[in-house]
Amino acid sequence: MRIETVAFTQCSTHIGHMLNLLSILLGLVSLVVVIPATIPLLGWANWFALPLIVIGVILGQLSSSNGGRNFCLVVLLIAAVRLSIGGGII
């Protein structure tokens, strides 16, 4: 019984780290979309990145670490500021 408890604890720790890794990867993919979207007339590309960023924030919140979540929140802030400057479209 005790061995099963240890195995479950280790498994949940690995899952928490993997969720953080997935969150960071989604943040990086979103950042690749958000950076070119800062160019005038490409602001609409931020709308493609927003769902990925939100999923990254959710996965980061479920993980055992805050790094991925915080990275996605920074990318979300950059995308939101750019969208607000362009009026949501431009």
C-alpha atoms as a PDB file:
ATOM      1  CA  MET A   1       0.000   0.000   0.000  1.00  0.00           C
ATOM      2  CA  ARG A   2       2.801   2.389   0.854  1.00  0.00           C
ATOM      3  CA  ILE A   3       4.629   1.759  -2.443  1.00  0.00           C
ATOM      4  CA  GLU A   4       1.488   2.696  -4.375  1.00  0.00           C
ATOM      5  CA  THR A   5       1.214   5.966  -2.443  1.00  0.00           C
ATOM      6  CA  VAL A   6       4.820   6.875  -3.248  1.00  0.00           C
ATOM      7  CA  ALA A   7       4.308   5.996  -6.910  1.00  0.00           C
ATOM      8  CA  PHE A   8       1.188   8.166  -7.095  1.00  0.00           C
ATOM      9  CA  THR A   9       3.002  11.083  -5.450  1.00  0.00           C
ATOM     10  CA  GLN A  10       5.866  10.842  -7.931  1.00  0.00           C
ATOM     11  CA  CYS A  11       3.438  10.560 -10.839  1.00  0.00           C
ATOM     12  CA  SER A  12       1.514  13.666  -9.796  1.00  0.00           C
ATOM     13  CA  THR A  13       4.794  15.576  -9.429  1.00  0.00           C
ATOM     14  CA  HIS A  14       5.826  14.629 -12.948  1.00  0.00           C
ATOM     15  CA  ILE A  15       2.433  15.647 -14.299  1.00  0.00           C
ATOM     16  CA  GLY A  16       2.768  19.018 -12.573  1.00  0.00           C
ATOM     17  CA  HIS A  17       6.167  19.595 -14.182  1.00  0.00           C
ATOM     18  CA  MET A  18       4.866  18.524 -17.587  1.00  0.00           C
ATOM     19  CA  LEU A  19       1.956  20.953 -17.344  1.00  0.00           C
ATOM     20  CA  ASN A  20       4.438  23.728 -16.597  1.00  0.00           C
ATOM     21  CA  LEU A  21       6.510  22.686 -19.620  1.00  0.00           C
ATOM     22  CA  LEU A  22       3.407  22.674 -21.837  1.00  0.00           C
ATOM     23  CA  SER A  23       2.489  26.107 -20.534  1.00  0.00           C
ATOM     24  CA  ILE A  24       5.936  27.455 -21.416  1.00  0.00           C
ATOM     25  CA  LEU A  25       5.767  25.892 -24.890  1.00  0.00           C
ATOM     26  CA  LEU A  26       2.346  27.429 -25.552  1.00  0.00           C
ATOM     27  CA  GLY A  27       3.713  30.763 -24.337  1.00  0.00           C
ATOM     28  CA  LEU A  28       6.645  30.521 -26.749  1.00  0.00           C
ATOM     29  CA  VAL A  29       4.396  29.640 -29.692  1.00  0.00           C
ATOM     30  CA  SER A  30       2.125  32.546 -28.781  1.00  0.00           C
ATOM     31  CA  LEU A  31       5.099  34.875 -28.484  1.00  0.00           C
ATOM     32  CA  VAL A  32       6.203  33.917 -31.991  1.00  0.00           C
ATOM     33  CA  VAL A  33       2.764  35.083 -33.199  1.00  0.00           C
ATOM     34  CA  VAL A  34       2.555  38.174 -30.958  1.00  0.00           C
ATOM     35  CA  ILE A  35       5.957  39.670 -31.853  1.00  0.00           C
ATOM     36  CA  PRO A  36       5.228  40.118 -35.584  1.00  0.00           C
ATOM     37  CA  ALA A  37       1.722  41.290 -34.659  1.00  0.00           C
ATOM     38  CA  THR A  38       3.246  44.445 -33.170  1.00  0.00           C
ATOM     39  CA  ILE A  39       3.912  45.658 -36.730  1.00  0.00           C
ATOM     40  CA  PRO A  40       1.201  48.051 -37.916  1.00  0.00           C
ATOM     41  CA  LEU A  41      -1.665  46.386 -39.835  1.00  0.00           C
ATOM     42  CA  LEU A  42      -0.797  42.952 -38.376  1.00  0.00           C
ATOM     43  CA  GLY A  43      -2.541  43.438 -35.031  1.00  0.00           C
ATOM     44  CA  TRP A  44      -5.308  41.048 -36.047  1.00  0.00           C
ATOM     45  CA  ALA A  45      -2.813  38.183 -35.590  1.00  0.00           C
ATOM     46  CA  ASN A  46      -3.076  38.700 -31.816  1.00  0.00           C
ATOM     47  CA  TRP A  47      -6.572  37.232 -31.969  1.00  0.00           C
ATOM     48  CA  PHE A  48      -5.019  33.933 -33.091  1.00  0.00           C
ATOM     49  CA  ALA A  49      -2.576  33.986 -30.188  1.00  0.00           C
ATOM     50  CA  LEU A  50      -5.101  34.801 -27.447  1.00  0.00           C
ATOM     51  CA  PRO A  51      -6.698  31.315 -27.210  1.00  0.00           C
ATOM     52  CA  LEU A  52      -3.247  29.710 -26.992  1.00  0.00           C
ATOM     53  CA  ILE A  53      -2.230  32.153 -24.286  1.00  0.00           C
ATOM     54  CA  VAL A  54      -5.369  31.453 -22.252  1.00  0.00           C
ATOM     55  CA  ILE A  55      -4.808  27.692 -22.505  1.00  0.00           C
ATOM     56  CA  GLY A  56      -1.190  28.256 -21.432  1.00  0.00           C
ATOM     57  CA  VAL A  57      -2.332  30.278 -18.405  1.00  0.00           C
ATOM     58  CA  ILE A  58      -4.784  27.534 -17.403  1.00  0.00           C
ATOM     59  CA  LEU A  59      -2.155  24.792 -17.761  1.00  0.00           C
ATOM     60  CA  GLY A  60       0.320  26.927 -15.833  1.00  0.00           C
ATOM     61  CA  GLN A  61      -2.188  27.373 -13.043  1.00  0.00           C
ATOM     62  CA  LEU A  62      -2.680  23.604 -12.815  1.00  0.00           C
ATOM     63  CA  SER A  63       1.062  22.926 -12.728  1.00  0.00           C
ATOM     64  CA  SER A  64       3.300  22.672  -9.687  1.00  0.00           C
ATOM     65  CA  SER A  65       5.279  25.787 -10.655  1.00  0.00           C
ATOM     66  CA  ASN A  66       4.371  29.369 -11.535  1.00  0.00           C
ATOM     67  CA  GLY A  67       6.966  30.005 -14.255  1.00  0.00           C
ATOM     68  CA  GLY A  68       4.885  28.954 -17.246  1.00  0.00           C
ATOM     69  CA  ARG A  69       1.801  30.767 -16.005  1.00  0.00           C
ATOM     70  CA  ASN A  70       3.725  33.980 -15.387  1.00  0.00           C
ATOM     71  CA  PHE A  71       5.360  33.800 -18.818  1.00  0.00           C
ATOM     72  CA  CYS A  72       1.972  33.372 -20.491  1.00  0.00           C
ATOM     73  CA  LEU A  73       0.586  36.289 -18.481  1.00  0.00           C
ATOM     74  CA  VAL A  74       3.416  38.524 -19.738  1.00  0.00           C
ATOM     75  CA  VAL A  75       2.701  37.474 -23.333  1.00  0.00           C
ATOM     76  CA  LEU A  76      -1.009  38.114 -22.695  1.00  0.00           C
ATOM     77  CA  LEU A  77      -0.191  41.594 -21.421  1.00  0.00           C
ATOM     78  CA  ILE A  78       1.848  42.369 -24.543  1.00  0.00           C
ATOM     79  CA  ALA A  79      -0.960  41.130 -26.812  1.00  0.00           C
ATOM     80  CA  ALA A  80      -3.643  43.018 -24.872  1.00  0.00           C
ATOM     81  CA  VAL A  81      -1.714  46.297 -24.951  1.00  0.00           C
ATOM     82  CA  ARG A  82      -1.116  45.925 -28.701  1.00  0.00           C
ATOM     83  CA  LEU A  83      -4.791  45.160 -29.309  1.00  0.00           C
ATOM     84  CA  SER A  84      -5.908  48.134 -27.252  1.00  0.00           C
ATOM     85  CA  ILE A  85      -3.547  50.474 -29.126  1.00  0.00           C
ATOM     86  CA  GLY A  86      -4.880  49.286 -32.476  1.00  0.00           C
ATOM     87  CA  GLY A  87      -8.519  49.382 -31.427  1.00  0.00           C
ATOM     88  CA  GLY A  88      -8.806  45.595 -31.482  1.00  0.00           C
ATOM     89  CA  ILE A  89      -8.316  45.143 -35.207  1.00  0.00           C
ATOM     90  CA  ILE A  90      -5.403  47.045 -36.722  1.00  0.00           C
END
